[in-house]
Every structure is written in structure tokens, then in C-alpha cells.
Amino acid sequence: MNTPKRGMSFADQVTAMRNSITHITPYVSTNPTIPLPVQEALRRISQVAHEAQANAQSIVAANPLTSQTTQHFGAEAIRADLSAGGAYPLNVNGLAGVLAQPQLAGTSGPLSSLSRTLGSGDKGAYYDAVDVGHRFVWDGSVWNFAPGDAGSGWGAFAVTVPAPGTSYWASVPAGGGSVTITKADGTTASVAFGAYTTIGAGYLLWIRK
């Protein structure tokens, strides 16, 4: 650190003081038009601000759970579960105020009764097709399989019909055959399956409808 010494000229003393202050807090450059005490105060304020920012960054870096918590439990993460048709829909009946988006009740019935007349204002409505075991959610323009619904068209080898029930599955003989499956938009389609080699005596290929 440079400090003024006896015998130094006034100009050399000023230079030594400036160099000393710059060495202590090099965050703000010297300016000959600003009084030295003001420059020193500005540098110290700047240093405190930089240290506070560095401490904050180190705290965030040392706590990765902060971002993980937001990702899994933030507003966007839980919105689907709390909405109508979600895993934990809020019951707002009887509460004062006006909802930004109406909470729509779900209905159930056979797949053939799935409504085709919903509009953008019905977003979030859901329907349980009890004959095929699928839940659909209206996104404002089209039906989709609800979150948690595994969809259809996939299969499993089993001796008897897999859970949860016969009406949800169709067996395909070893020689092949066709199965009518449910599509995500609530319509159906016939899918042909070729011949296959069973994994054991009595096992058949069962397709989720």
C-alpha cells in the first residue's frame, strides 16, 4: 500500500493516496474531479455491494434444492393437479369472488357419449369413459388422455385378462388378429396385429383398448 511520507510534494502525496485507495477497493476508478473522501466512500459502497452479490450467488449454488423445489412444487408444477380433472381438484363452491377460469365438473358414461360440442370456454372439463376405462380432458379444442392415463394400443402377455377388467382389454390369438383401440381424441381405430410366438403355454397377447 502506498502512503504519503514526509518530504513528499503535495502532488506526490495525492498520487500516493489515490493509489492506496485503489488498492483497497478496486471497484470504482479514480476521478480527479471527485474529492478523495467521496471516492473512498463510493469504493467502499461498491465493495459491499459486490460482496453481497457474491454471497447470494454462493448461497444459491450451495442449495440446489431451491430450483428443484420450484420445479416440482411451484405454481406451474401443481396447477394441473389442482385444476378440474386433476389429481387434487380444488373445491371452490360457495367461495366469494369470481373465478378467472370456471371449475368444470367431470362427467362419465360410455365412450360413445363423449361430447363433441365443447368450446374454448370448457377447457379443463373431463370425461370418464367407463366402458373402456379411460379419462379424457378437454384442452379447449380437442380431447386428450388425462395425465396418468397410460393410453391404449400397448400389450401384455398373460394367461388371463390383466387387471382391471375384461372390457378394457382384447386378446389376440397367436395367429394374429385386429383390435379396436381408443384414440387420445376419444375416437376409435382398428389395429391389426400379426402372428407371434407365445412366451409359454396358455399365454396370449392382450391389448389395452
Protein backbone atom coordinates (compact mmCIF):
# COMPACT_ATOMS: atom_id res chain seq x y z
CA MET A 1 0.00 0.00 0.00
CA ASN A 2 1.34 3.46 -0.92
CA THR A 3 1.09 6.07 1.88
CA PRO A 4 2.22 9.75 1.97
CA LYS A 5 5.68 10.29 3.51
CA ARG A 6 7.40 13.33 4.89
CA GLY A 7 9.34 15.26 2.31
CA MET A 8 6.93 14.33 -0.50
CA SER A 9 5.42 17.08 -2.56
CA PHE A 10 1.68 17.72 -2.31
CA ALA A 11 1.13 16.24 -5.80
CA ASP A 12 3.06 13.07 -4.83
CA GLN A 13 1.02 12.77 -1.63
CA VAL A 14 -2.24 12.98 -3.59
CA THR A 15 -0.99 10.32 -6.01
CA ALA A 16 0.01 8.06 -3.11
CA MET A 17 -3.41 8.46 -1.50
CA ARG A 18 -5.19 7.61 -4.75
CA ASN A 19 -3.05 4.53 -5.29
CA SER A 20 -3.70 3.43 -1.70
CA ILE A 21 -7.48 3.74 -2.05
CA THR A 22 -7.46 1.99 -5.43
CA HIS A 23 -5.51 -0.89 -3.91
CA ILE A 24 -8.05 -1.33 -1.11
CA THR A 25 -11.24 -1.30 -3.22
CA PRO A 26 -10.57 -1.50 -6.95
CA TYR A 27 -14.25 -1.45 -7.96
CA VAL A 28 -14.55 2.26 -8.80
CA SER A 29 -11.89 4.08 -10.81
CA THR A 30 -10.34 7.32 -9.57
CA ASN A 31 -11.56 10.62 -10.93
CA PRO A 32 -9.57 13.83 -10.21
CA THR A 33 -12.76 15.92 -10.26
CA ILE A 34 -14.32 14.00 -7.31
CA PRO A 35 -13.00 14.73 -3.79
CA LEU A 36 -10.94 11.88 -2.36
CA PRO A 37 -13.26 11.19 0.62
CA VAL A 38 -16.19 10.84 -1.76
CA GLN A 39 -14.22 8.49 -3.99
CA GLU A 40 -13.26 6.37 -0.98
CA ALA A 41 -16.89 6.18 0.20
CA LEU A 42 -18.07 5.17 -3.28
CA ARG A 43 -15.47 2.42 -3.47
CA ARG A 44 -16.44 1.02 -0.11
CA ILE A 45 -20.15 1.01 -1.05
CA SER A 46 -19.28 -0.72 -4.32
CA GLN A 47 -17.20 -3.29 -2.47
CA VAL A 48 -20.03 -4.07 -0.04
CA ALA A 49 -22.48 -4.49 -2.95
CA HIS A 50 -20.13 -6.85 -4.78
CA GLU A 51 -19.55 -8.93 -1.66
CA ALA A 52 -23.31 -9.17 -1.01
CA GLN A 53 -23.91 -10.32 -4.58
CA ALA A 54 -21.14 -12.93 -4.33
CA ASN A 55 -22.57 -14.22 -1.03
CA ALA A 56 -26.05 -14.52 -2.53
CA GLN A 57 -24.72 -16.45 -5.52
CA SER A 58 -22.77 -18.80 -3.27
CA ILE A 59 -25.89 -19.48 -1.16
CA VAL A 60 -27.92 -20.41 -4.25
CA ALA A 61 -25.08 -22.57 -5.59
CA ALA A 62 -24.81 -24.36 -2.24
CA ASN A 63 -28.55 -25.03 -2.11
CA PRO A 64 -29.64 -26.78 -5.34
CA LEU A 65 -32.91 -27.73 -3.65
CA THR A 66 -34.13 -24.19 -4.27
CA SER A 67 -34.50 -24.74 -8.02
CA GLN A 68 -35.70 -28.32 -7.55
CA THR A 69 -38.41 -27.16 -5.15
CA THR A 70 -39.66 -24.62 -7.67
CA GLN A 71 -39.59 -27.21 -10.44
CA HIS A 72 -41.62 -29.83 -8.56
CA PHE A 73 -43.75 -27.77 -6.18
CA GLY A 74 -44.01 -24.34 -7.81
CA ALA A 75 -47.19 -22.83 -9.21
CA GLU A 76 -46.74 -24.31 -12.68
CA ALA A 77 -45.96 -27.77 -11.30
CA ILE A 78 -49.08 -28.08 -9.15
CA ARG A 79 -51.53 -26.20 -11.37
CA ALA A 80 -52.57 -29.31 -13.31
CA ASP A 81 -53.22 -31.32 -10.14
CA LEU A 82 -55.33 -28.56 -8.58
CA SER A 83 -57.37 -27.87 -11.72
CA ALA A 84 -60.64 -29.59 -12.54
CA GLY A 85 -59.82 -33.09 -13.72
CA GLY A 86 -56.50 -33.09 -11.88
CA ALA A 87 -55.36 -35.40 -9.12
CA TYR A 88 -56.41 -32.98 -6.36
CA PRO A 89 -59.01 -30.56 -7.79
CA LEU A 90 -59.88 -27.63 -5.57
CA ASN A 91 -63.49 -27.32 -4.48
CA VAL A 92 -64.39 -23.65 -4.78
CA ASN A 93 -68.14 -23.98 -4.41
CA GLY A 94 -69.53 -21.35 -2.07
CA LEU A 95 -66.44 -19.14 -2.10
CA ALA A 96 -66.86 -15.40 -2.70
CA GLY A 97 -65.47 -13.78 -5.84
CA VAL A 98 -65.28 -14.63 -9.50
CA LEU A 99 -63.03 -17.37 -10.83
CA ALA A 100 -60.61 -16.43 -13.57
CA GLN A 101 -61.38 -19.81 -15.12
CA PRO A 102 -64.52 -21.78 -14.19
CA GLN A 103 -64.00 -25.08 -12.44
CA LEU A 104 -65.84 -27.56 -14.59
CA ALA A 105 -67.36 -30.72 -13.21
CA GLY A 106 -66.50 -34.04 -14.77
CA THR A 107 -68.97 -36.47 -16.24
CA SER A 108 -68.88 -40.17 -17.01
CA GLY A 109 -70.53 -42.66 -19.32
CA PRO A 110 -69.75 -44.82 -22.32
CA LEU A 111 -67.17 -43.69 -24.85
CA SER A 112 -69.93 -43.18 -27.42
CA SER A 113 -71.41 -40.39 -25.24
CA LEU A 114 -68.23 -38.30 -25.18
CA SER A 115 -69.33 -34.75 -26.05
CA ARG A 116 -68.22 -33.25 -29.35
CA THR A 117 -69.77 -29.83 -28.77
CA LEU A 118 -67.42 -28.30 -26.19
CA GLY A 119 -65.73 -24.96 -26.85
CA SER A 120 -62.70 -22.99 -25.67
CA GLY A 121 -64.57 -21.92 -22.55
CA ASP A 122 -64.87 -25.55 -21.46
CA LYS A 123 -61.12 -26.04 -21.10
CA GLY A 124 -60.34 -28.36 -18.20
CA ALA A 125 -63.53 -30.42 -18.39
CA TYR A 126 -63.00 -34.14 -18.09
CA TYR A 127 -64.91 -37.29 -19.01
CA ASP A 128 -64.57 -40.84 -17.72
CA ALA A 129 -65.34 -43.42 -20.40
CA VAL A 130 -66.37 -46.29 -18.15
CA ASP A 131 -66.63 -48.95 -20.82
CA VAL A 132 -63.01 -48.62 -21.94
CA GLY A 133 -61.52 -47.31 -18.69
CA HIS A 134 -60.04 -44.05 -19.96
CA ARG A 135 -60.24 -40.49 -18.68
CA PHE A 136 -60.18 -37.61 -21.16
CA VAL A 137 -59.50 -33.92 -20.56
CA TRP A 138 -60.68 -31.13 -22.86
CA ASP A 139 -57.84 -28.70 -23.72
CA GLY A 140 -60.10 -26.08 -25.26
CA SER A 141 -60.21 -27.53 -28.74
CA VAL A 142 -59.78 -31.32 -28.54
CA TRP A 143 -59.96 -34.21 -26.10
CA ASN A 144 -56.75 -35.81 -24.81
CA PHE A 145 -55.95 -38.67 -22.47
CA ALA A 146 -55.79 -37.20 -18.97
CA PRO A 147 -52.50 -37.09 -17.06
CA GLY A 148 -51.87 -40.51 -15.56
CA ASP A 149 -53.84 -42.36 -18.25
CA ALA A 150 -51.45 -44.77 -19.97
CA GLY A 151 -53.44 -44.67 -23.20
CA SER A 152 -54.17 -47.65 -25.42
CA GLY A 153 -52.61 -49.89 -28.06
CA TRP A 154 -49.98 -51.41 -25.81
CA GLY A 155 -49.99 -55.05 -24.76
CA ALA A 156 -49.00 -57.66 -22.23
CA PHE A 157 -48.64 -61.43 -22.26
CA ALA A 158 -50.87 -63.14 -19.72
CA VAL A 159 -52.81 -66.34 -19.17
CA THR A 160 -55.95 -64.43 -18.15
CA VAL A 161 -57.15 -60.89 -18.78
CA PRO A 162 -54.98 -58.33 -16.98
CA ALA A 163 -56.44 -56.01 -14.37
CA PRO A 164 -58.62 -54.07 -14.03
CA GLY A 165 -61.24 -55.76 -16.21
CA THR A 166 -62.22 -57.70 -19.29
CA SER A 167 -63.88 -54.78 -21.06
CA TYR A 168 -60.62 -52.83 -21.06
CA TRP A 169 -58.60 -55.48 -22.91
CA ALA A 170 -58.82 -57.58 -26.05
CA SER A 171 -56.91 -60.79 -26.67
CA VAL A 172 -55.04 -61.50 -29.89
CA PRO A 173 -54.62 -65.16 -30.88
CA ALA A 174 -51.16 -66.42 -31.79
CA GLY A 175 -52.13 -66.37 -35.43
CA GLY A 176 -52.79 -62.61 -35.30
CA GLY A 177 -55.92 -60.50 -35.40
CA SER A 178 -57.39 -57.00 -35.16
CA VAL A 179 -58.31 -54.97 -32.08
CA THR A 180 -60.35 -51.78 -31.83
CA ILE A 181 -58.42 -49.35 -29.63
CA THR A 182 -59.32 -45.94 -28.19
CA LYS A 183 -57.50 -42.91 -29.55
CA ALA A 184 -56.46 -39.89 -27.49
CA ASP A 185 -59.19 -37.71 -29.05
CA GLY A 186 -61.90 -40.15 -27.99
CA THR A 187 -62.39 -41.80 -31.36
CA THR A 188 -61.50 -45.42 -32.12
CA ALA A 189 -59.40 -47.23 -34.69
CA SER A 190 -58.89 -50.84 -35.73
CA VAL A 191 -55.29 -52.04 -35.42
CA ALA A 192 -54.07 -55.32 -36.98
CA PHE A 193 -51.56 -57.49 -35.14
CA GLY A 194 -49.56 -60.18 -36.92
CA ALA A 195 -48.80 -63.71 -35.82
CA TYR A 196 -46.50 -64.07 -32.84
CA THR A 197 -44.77 -66.77 -30.81
CA THR A 198 -46.23 -67.06 -27.33
CA ILE A 199 -43.93 -66.97 -24.33
CA GLY A 200 -45.44 -70.11 -22.84
CA ALA A 201 -48.36 -72.50 -22.81
CA GLY A 202 -51.64 -70.70 -22.22
CA TYR A 203 -50.21 -67.20 -22.67
CA LEU A 204 -51.95 -64.78 -25.02
CA LEU A 205 -51.20 -61.24 -26.12
CA TRP A 206 -53.67 -58.82 -24.51
CA ILE A 207 -54.04 -55.34 -25.97
CA ARG A 208 -55.24 -52.35 -23.94
CA LYS A 209 -58.31 -50.98 -25.71
